[in-house]
Amino acid sequence: IRAKVEEERSAKRFTLLDFGLRRVYCPLLLSIALMLFQVWSGSFAVTAYTAIIFDGAGLDHLSTPASIGVAAVQCVVTAFSLFIIDRQGRKPLLMAAGSGMTVACILMSLFFFLEDHIHGKVAIAVPILAVYLYMAAYSLGLGIIPWLFMAEVFPGSAKPV
């Protein structure tokens, strides 16, 4: 341990100019891209408007319990993903998360389309299932992997900057 500490002390200090090095700017650009995908995925909108989504689907009486269920699903799946992320790998989990989020959006869109064009009741569980699936898929991949990726790809000397 002492040798490692001495090696780090004697190592050249990292400066802002070092961001021009390929070993630093490539991981930086990838990290920024993953964080942008995370923000642009729409998960914050789904979380913020869960009650409104359920109200619009005619689930006025279930909007509060279903919103609590969304938060519970997000917590459980995030905890689960911590255990499987190293076994399954980041790339397959990101691909699975993107696919799951896409399926959930298609389900939700299909529900509202059919509800507008068919003047009967469409399966009332579809919006709840779609929102739960969306948040589970998000929590499995895009919710956690960008943060882990950022911590893992930068050189040790660049992390303090």
C-alpha atoms as a PDB file:
ATOM      1  CA  ILE A   1       0.000   0.000   0.000  1.00  0.00           C
ATOM      2  CA  ARG A   2       2.825   2.388   0.871  1.00  0.00           C
ATOM      3  CA  ALA A   3       4.486   1.772  -2.482  1.00  0.00           C
ATOM      4  CA  LYS A   4       1.244   2.563  -4.285  1.00  0.00           C
ATOM      5  CA  VAL A   5       0.773   5.781  -2.285  1.00  0.00           C
ATOM      6  CA  GLU A   6       4.356   6.859  -3.043  1.00  0.00           C
ATOM      7  CA  GLU A   7       3.854   6.050  -6.728  1.00  0.00           C
ATOM      8  CA  GLU A   8       0.740   8.229  -6.845  1.00  0.00           C
ATOM      9  CA  ARG A   9       2.481  11.089  -5.040  1.00  0.00           C
ATOM     10  CA  SER A  10       5.434  11.032  -7.416  1.00  0.00           C
ATOM     11  CA  ALA A  11       3.236  10.748 -10.518  1.00  0.00           C
ATOM     12  CA  LYS A  12       2.801  13.762 -12.737  1.00  0.00           C
ATOM     13  CA  ARG A  13      -0.147  15.936 -11.729  1.00  0.00           C
ATOM     14  CA  PHE A  14      -3.132  15.872 -14.052  1.00  0.00           C
ATOM     15  CA  THR A  15      -3.960  19.247 -15.607  1.00  0.00           C
ATOM     16  CA  LEU A  16      -6.757  20.527 -17.811  1.00  0.00           C
ATOM     17  CA  LEU A  17      -4.431  20.275 -20.812  1.00  0.00           C
ATOM     18  CA  ASP A  18      -4.358  16.512 -20.315  1.00  0.00           C
ATOM     19  CA  PHE A  19      -7.997  16.365 -21.426  1.00  0.00           C
ATOM     20  CA  GLY A  20      -6.579  16.665 -24.950  1.00  0.00           C
ATOM     21  CA  LEU A  21      -5.009  13.216 -24.621  1.00  0.00           C
ATOM     22  CA  ARG A  22      -6.840  10.408 -26.387  1.00  0.00           C
ATOM     23  CA  ARG A  23      -6.827   8.197 -23.273  1.00  0.00           C
ATOM     24  CA  VAL A  24      -8.784  10.925 -21.477  1.00  0.00           C
ATOM     25  CA  TYR A  25     -11.060  12.576 -24.043  1.00  0.00           C
ATOM     26  CA  CYS A  26     -12.451   9.319 -25.513  1.00  0.00           C
ATOM     27  CA  PRO A  27     -13.787   8.090 -22.140  1.00  0.00           C
ATOM     28  CA  LEU A  28     -14.987  11.627 -21.428  1.00  0.00           C
ATOM     29  CA  LEU A  29     -16.991  11.795 -24.671  1.00  0.00           C
ATOM     30  CA  LEU A  30     -18.449   8.329 -24.106  1.00  0.00           C
ATOM     31  CA  SER A  31     -19.431   9.265 -20.554  1.00  0.00           C
ATOM     32  CA  ILE A  32     -21.088  12.467 -21.719  1.00  0.00           C
ATOM     33  CA  ALA A  33     -22.959  10.558 -24.442  1.00  0.00           C
ATOM     34  CA  LEU A  34     -24.249   7.975 -21.948  1.00  0.00           C
ATOM     35  CA  MET A  35     -25.343  10.702 -19.538  1.00  0.00           C
ATOM     36  CA  LEU A  36     -27.166  12.528 -22.339  1.00  0.00           C
ATOM     37  CA  PHE A  37     -28.920   9.298 -23.346  1.00  0.00           C
ATOM     38  CA  GLN A  38     -29.906   8.842 -19.723  1.00  0.00           C
ATOM     39  CA  VAL A  39     -31.403  12.318 -19.475  1.00  0.00           C
ATOM     40  CA  TRP A  40     -33.046  12.198 -22.905  1.00  0.00           C
ATOM     41  CA  SER A  41     -34.596   8.781 -22.256  1.00  0.00           C
ATOM     42  CA  GLY A  42     -37.675  10.421 -20.771  1.00  0.00           C
ATOM     43  CA  SER A  43     -37.538   8.677 -17.432  1.00  0.00           C
ATOM     44  CA  PHE A  44     -37.849  11.940 -15.532  1.00  0.00           C
ATOM     45  CA  ALA A  45     -40.984  12.799 -17.496  1.00  0.00           C
ATOM     46  CA  VAL A  46     -42.475   9.385 -16.811  1.00  0.00           C
ATOM     47  CA  THR A  47     -41.669   9.720 -13.107  1.00  0.00           C
ATOM     48  CA  ALA A  48     -43.022  13.251 -12.850  1.00  0.00           C
ATOM     49  CA  TYR A  49     -46.195  12.581 -14.843  1.00  0.00           C
ATOM     50  CA  THR A  50     -47.051   9.076 -13.640  1.00  0.00           C
ATOM     51  CA  ALA A  51     -50.219  10.218 -11.882  1.00  0.00           C
ATOM     52  CA  ILE A  52     -51.277  12.262 -14.913  1.00  0.00           C
ATOM     53  CA  ILE A  53     -50.631   9.285 -17.233  1.00  0.00           C
ATOM     54  CA  PHE A  54     -52.821   7.071 -15.061  1.00  0.00           C
ATOM     55  CA  ASP A  55     -55.504   9.742 -14.783  1.00  0.00           C
ATOM     56  CA  GLY A  56     -55.517  10.125 -18.580  1.00  0.00           C
ATOM     57  CA  ALA A  57     -55.936   6.371 -18.899  1.00  0.00           C
ATOM     58  CA  GLY A  58     -59.025   6.524 -16.707  1.00  0.00           C
ATOM     59  CA  LEU A  59     -57.339   5.140 -13.614  1.00  0.00           C
ATOM     60  CA  ASP A  60     -58.131   8.070 -11.333  1.00  0.00           C
ATOM     61  CA  HIS A  61     -58.659   5.848  -8.315  1.00  0.00           C
ATOM     62  CA  LEU A  62     -55.354   3.979  -8.858  1.00  0.00           C
ATOM     63  CA  SER A  63     -53.035   6.877  -9.681  1.00  0.00           C
ATOM     64  CA  THR A  64     -51.526   7.273  -6.197  1.00  0.00           C
ATOM     65  CA  PRO A  65     -50.968   3.555  -5.421  1.00  0.00           C
ATOM     66  CA  ALA A  66     -49.669   2.965  -8.937  1.00  0.00           C
ATOM     67  CA  SER A  67     -47.239   5.895  -8.597  1.00  0.00           C
ATOM     68  CA  ILE A  68     -45.926   4.422  -5.360  1.00  0.00           C
ATOM     69  CA  GLY A  69     -45.592   1.103  -7.163  1.00  0.00           C
ATOM     70  CA  VAL A  70     -43.484   2.762  -9.871  1.00  0.00           C
ATOM     71  CA  ALA A  71     -41.038   4.016  -7.237  1.00  0.00           C
ATOM     72  CA  ALA A  72     -40.948   0.570  -5.628  1.00  0.00           C
ATOM     73  CA  VAL A  73     -40.264  -1.113  -8.982  1.00  0.00           C
ATOM     74  CA  GLN A  74     -37.465   1.355  -9.652  1.00  0.00           C
ATOM     75  CA  CYS A  75     -35.824   0.663  -6.267  1.00  0.00           C
ATOM     76  CA  VAL A  76     -36.104  -3.124  -6.523  1.00  0.00           C
ATOM     77  CA  VAL A  77     -34.814  -3.339 -10.103  1.00  0.00           C
ATOM     78  CA  THR A  78     -31.926  -0.947  -9.375  1.00  0.00           C
ATOM     79  CA  ALA A  79     -30.874  -3.114  -6.422  1.00  0.00           C
ATOM     80  CA  PHE A  80     -31.212  -6.232  -8.595  1.00  0.00           C
ATOM     81  CA  SER A  81     -29.126  -4.696 -11.376  1.00  0.00           C
ATOM     82  CA  LEU A  82     -26.256  -4.078  -8.964  1.00  0.00           C
ATOM     83  CA  PHE A  83     -25.894  -7.826  -8.553  1.00  0.00           C
ATOM     84  CA  ILE A  84     -26.125  -8.814 -12.225  1.00  0.00           C
ATOM     85  CA  ILE A  85     -24.269  -5.975 -13.904  1.00  0.00           C
ATOM     86  CA  ASP A  86     -20.842  -7.626 -13.717  1.00  0.00           C
ATOM     87  CA  ARG A  87     -22.137 -11.049 -14.729  1.00  0.00           C
ATOM     88  CA  GLN A  88     -24.201  -9.938 -17.715  1.00  0.00           C
ATOM     89  CA  GLY A  89     -22.081  -7.018 -18.869  1.00  0.00           C
ATOM     90  CA  ARG A  90     -22.879  -3.379 -19.481  1.00  0.00           C
ATOM     91  CA  LYS A  91     -23.567  -3.568 -23.207  1.00  0.00           C
ATOM     92  CA  PRO A  92     -26.173  -6.380 -23.048  1.00  0.00           C
ATOM     93  CA  LEU A  93     -27.930  -4.637 -20.153  1.00  0.00           C
ATOM     94  CA  LEU A  94     -28.003  -1.326 -22.031  1.00  0.00           C
ATOM     95  CA  MET A  95     -29.422  -3.083 -25.094  1.00  0.00           C
ATOM     96  CA  ALA A  96     -32.020  -4.919 -22.992  1.00  0.00           C
ATOM     97  CA  ALA A  97     -32.955  -1.680 -21.252  1.00  0.00           C
ATOM     98  CA  GLY A  98     -33.390   0.161 -24.538  1.00  0.00           C
ATOM     99  CA  SER A  99     -35.506  -2.664 -25.941  1.00  0.00           C
ATOM    100  CA  GLY A 100     -37.678  -2.808 -22.833  1.00  0.00           C
ATOM    101  CA  MET A 101     -38.203   0.940 -22.829  1.00  0.00           C
ATOM    102  CA  THR A 102     -39.145   0.831 -26.513  1.00  0.00           C
ATOM    103  CA  VAL A 103     -41.670  -1.954 -25.957  1.00  0.00           C
ATOM    104  CA  ALA A 104     -43.174  -0.036 -23.027  1.00  0.00           C
ATOM    105  CA  CYS A 105     -43.542   3.131 -25.115  1.00  0.00           C
ATOM    106  CA  ILE A 106     -45.175   1.175 -27.934  1.00  0.00           C
ATOM    107  CA  LEU A 107     -47.601  -0.431 -25.458  1.00  0.00           C
ATOM    108  CA  MET A 108     -48.527   2.928 -23.969  1.00  0.00           C
ATOM    109  CA  SER A 109     -48.978   4.530 -27.387  1.00  0.00           C
ATOM    110  CA  LEU A 110     -51.066   1.627 -28.593  1.00  0.00           C
ATOM    111  CA  PHE A 111     -53.251   1.855 -25.492  1.00  0.00           C
ATOM    112  CA  PHE A 112     -54.021   5.547 -25.969  1.00  0.00           C
ATOM    113  CA  PHE A 113     -54.515   5.097 -29.719  1.00  0.00           C
ATOM    114  CA  LEU A 114     -56.991   2.271 -29.241  1.00  0.00           C
ATOM    115  CA  GLU A 115     -58.771   4.087 -26.440  1.00  0.00           C
ATOM    116  CA  ASP A 116     -59.320   7.097 -28.700  1.00  0.00           C
ATOM    117  CA  HIS A 117     -60.435   5.102 -31.739  1.00  0.00           C
ATOM    118  CA  ILE A 118     -62.357   2.264 -30.109  1.00  0.00           C
ATOM    119  CA  HIS A 119     -65.055   3.697 -27.904  1.00  0.00           C
ATOM    120  CA  GLY A 120     -65.016   0.750 -25.568  1.00  0.00           C
ATOM    121  CA  LYS A 121     -62.794  -0.108 -22.682  1.00  0.00           C
ATOM    122  CA  VAL A 122     -59.305  -1.232 -23.583  1.00  0.00           C
ATOM    123  CA  ALA A 123     -57.490  -3.439 -21.064  1.00  0.00           C
ATOM    124  CA  ILE A 124     -57.039  -1.158 -18.082  1.00  0.00           C
ATOM    125  CA  ALA A 125     -53.859  -2.897 -16.894  1.00  0.00           C
ATOM    126  CA  VAL A 126     -51.911  -1.907 -20.029  1.00  0.00           C
ATOM    127  CA  PRO A 127     -50.850   1.605 -18.897  1.00  0.00           C
ATOM    128  CA  ILE A 128     -49.780   0.318 -15.489  1.00  0.00           C
ATOM    129  CA  LEU A 129     -47.829  -2.519 -17.105  1.00  0.00           C
ATOM    130  CA  ALA A 130     -46.251  -0.144 -19.626  1.00  0.00           C
ATOM    131  CA  VAL A 131     -45.104   2.377 -17.010  1.00  0.00           C
ATOM    132  CA  TYR A 132     -43.789  -0.376 -14.722  1.00  0.00           C
ATOM    133  CA  LEU A 133     -41.961  -2.018 -17.633  1.00  0.00           C
ATOM    134  CA  TYR A 134     -40.497   1.327 -18.711  1.00  0.00           C
ATOM    135  CA  MET A 135     -39.160   2.119 -15.241  1.00  0.00           C
ATOM    136  CA  ALA A 136     -37.868  -1.423 -14.724  1.00  0.00           C
ATOM    137  CA  ALA A 137     -36.010  -1.346 -18.039  1.00  0.00           C
ATOM    138  CA  TYR A 138     -34.632   2.115 -17.297  1.00  0.00           C
ATOM    139  CA  SER A 139     -33.446   1.061 -13.848  1.00  0.00           C
ATOM    140  CA  LEU A 140     -31.830  -2.064 -15.256  1.00  0.00           C
ATOM    141  CA  GLY A 141     -29.630  -0.202 -17.722  1.00  0.00           C
ATOM    142  CA  LEU A 142     -29.697   3.531 -18.271  1.00  0.00           C
ATOM    143  CA  GLY A 143     -30.386   4.349 -14.636  1.00  0.00           C
ATOM    144  CA  ILE A 144     -27.161   2.935 -13.270  1.00  0.00           C
ATOM    145  CA  ILE A 145     -24.680   2.058 -16.026  1.00  0.00           C
ATOM    146  CA  PRO A 146     -23.661   5.619 -17.020  1.00  0.00           C
ATOM    147  CA  TRP A 147     -22.643   6.339 -13.426  1.00  0.00           C
ATOM    148  CA  LEU A 148     -20.613   3.134 -13.156  1.00  0.00           C
ATOM    149  CA  PHE A 149     -19.082   3.718 -16.574  1.00  0.00           C
ATOM    150  CA  MET A 150     -17.868   7.188 -15.595  1.00  0.00           C
ATOM    151  CA  ALA A 151     -16.208   5.857 -12.466  1.00  0.00           C
ATOM    152  CA  GLU A 152     -14.489   3.016 -14.297  1.00  0.00           C
ATOM    153  CA  VAL A 153     -13.124   4.448 -17.546  1.00  0.00           C
ATOM    154  CA  PHE A 154     -11.175   7.501 -16.442  1.00  0.00           C
ATOM    155  CA  PRO A 155      -7.501   7.209 -15.522  1.00  0.00           C
ATOM    156  CA  GLY A 156      -6.916   7.460 -11.773  1.00  0.00           C
ATOM    157  CA  SER A 157      -5.026  10.729 -12.130  1.00  0.00           C
ATOM    158  CA  ALA A 158      -7.967  12.378 -13.952  1.00  0.00           C
ATOM    159  CA  LYS A 159     -10.614  11.603 -11.358  1.00  0.00           C
ATOM    160  CA  PRO A 160      -9.828  14.474  -8.947  1.00  0.00           C
ATOM    161  CA  VAL A 161     -10.118  17.038 -11.748  1.00  0.00           C
END
